[in-house]
Amino acid sequence: MCVTRVARVLSIQGSNAKVQFLDTGVVDEVDVSMVQAKKDSYVEVFADQAIGRITKKEAEFKLDLRLQMNRARGVTA
């Protein structure tokens, strides 16, 4: 099963963006060439590639859903 992660865009330089993943707070760089990302927008990330831009409300919903799934499986992160 492939699962995307939700991140907030901190900055953009060319086709790369520095993002902060909502589930862990980790800051990393991802490729945003497939989406129209802007600073402070939210993106779904799979394999270091932003594959979609989403609203803040969608990002919060997906984060909550991920945390619920992790709790159900006994995962703390």
Protein backbone atom coordinates (compact mmCIF):
# COMPACT_ATOMS: atom_id res chain seq x y z
CA MET A 1 0.00 0.00 0.00
CA CYS A 2 1.30 3.46 -0.89
CA VAL A 3 0.70 6.19 1.65
CA THR A 4 1.35 9.87 1.08
CA ARG A 5 2.51 12.25 3.76
CA VAL A 6 1.29 15.79 4.24
CA ALA A 7 3.73 18.69 4.45
CA ARG A 8 3.69 22.48 4.64
CA VAL A 9 5.92 24.32 2.18
CA LEU A 10 8.48 26.50 3.98
CA SER A 11 10.40 27.80 0.96
CA ILE A 12 10.86 27.12 -2.74
CA GLN A 13 13.98 27.28 -4.85
CA GLY A 14 13.55 26.23 -8.47
CA SER A 15 11.76 22.88 -8.61
CA ASN A 16 12.64 21.97 -5.02
CA ALA A 17 10.96 23.02 -1.82
CA LYS A 18 11.87 22.81 1.82
CA VAL A 19 8.85 21.30 3.59
CA GLN A 20 7.87 20.39 7.13
CA PHE A 21 6.02 17.10 7.49
CA LEU A 22 2.98 17.53 9.73
CA ASP A 23 3.16 14.07 11.30
CA THR A 24 6.75 14.30 12.56
CA GLY A 25 7.79 17.94 12.26
CA VAL A 26 10.82 16.86 10.22
CA VAL A 27 12.05 19.37 7.65
CA ASP A 28 13.20 17.92 4.32
CA GLU A 29 13.54 18.87 0.67
CA VAL A 30 11.13 17.54 -1.97
CA ASP A 31 10.59 17.99 -5.70
CA VAL A 32 7.58 20.22 -6.41
CA SER A 33 7.84 20.29 -10.21
CA MET A 34 4.49 18.46 -10.63
CA VAL A 35 2.43 20.90 -8.51
CA GLN A 36 1.93 24.64 -8.23
CA ALA A 37 3.31 24.93 -4.72
CA LYS A 38 3.60 28.24 -2.93
CA LYS A 39 5.17 29.19 0.38
CA ASP A 40 2.86 28.14 3.24
CA SER A 41 0.76 25.88 0.98
CA TYR A 42 0.22 22.21 1.80
CA VAL A 43 1.26 19.31 -0.40
CA GLU A 44 0.96 15.54 -0.42
CA VAL A 45 4.35 13.86 -0.75
CA PHE A 46 5.25 10.41 -1.99
CA ALA A 47 8.86 9.28 -2.46
CA ASP A 48 10.29 12.82 -2.10
CA GLN A 49 7.92 14.10 -4.81
CA ALA A 50 5.01 16.46 -4.15
CA ILE A 51 2.12 14.88 -6.04
CA GLY A 52 -0.70 17.22 -5.12
CA ARG A 53 -1.54 20.53 -3.49
CA ILE A 54 -4.25 20.46 -0.82
CA THR A 55 -6.00 22.91 1.48
CA LYS A 56 -5.08 23.39 5.13
CA LYS A 57 -8.39 21.75 6.11
CA GLU A 58 -7.60 18.69 3.95
CA ALA A 59 -4.09 18.55 5.42
CA GLU A 60 -5.44 18.58 8.98
CA PHE A 61 -7.99 15.88 8.12
CA LYS A 62 -5.35 13.63 6.53
CA LEU A 63 -3.01 14.14 9.49
CA ASP A 64 -5.77 13.23 11.94
CA LEU A 65 -6.65 10.14 9.90
CA ARG A 66 -2.99 9.05 9.80
CA LEU A 67 -2.65 9.49 13.57
CA GLN A 68 -5.83 7.46 14.16
CA MET A 69 -4.52 4.65 11.91
CA ASN A 70 -1.20 4.65 13.76
CA ARG A 71 -2.93 4.45 17.14
CA ALA A 72 -5.07 1.55 15.92
CA ARG A 73 -1.90 -0.28 14.86
CA GLY A 74 -0.09 0.57 18.10
CA VAL A 75 2.40 2.92 16.43
CA THR A 76 3.30 6.06 18.38
CA ALA A 77 4.85 8.20 15.62
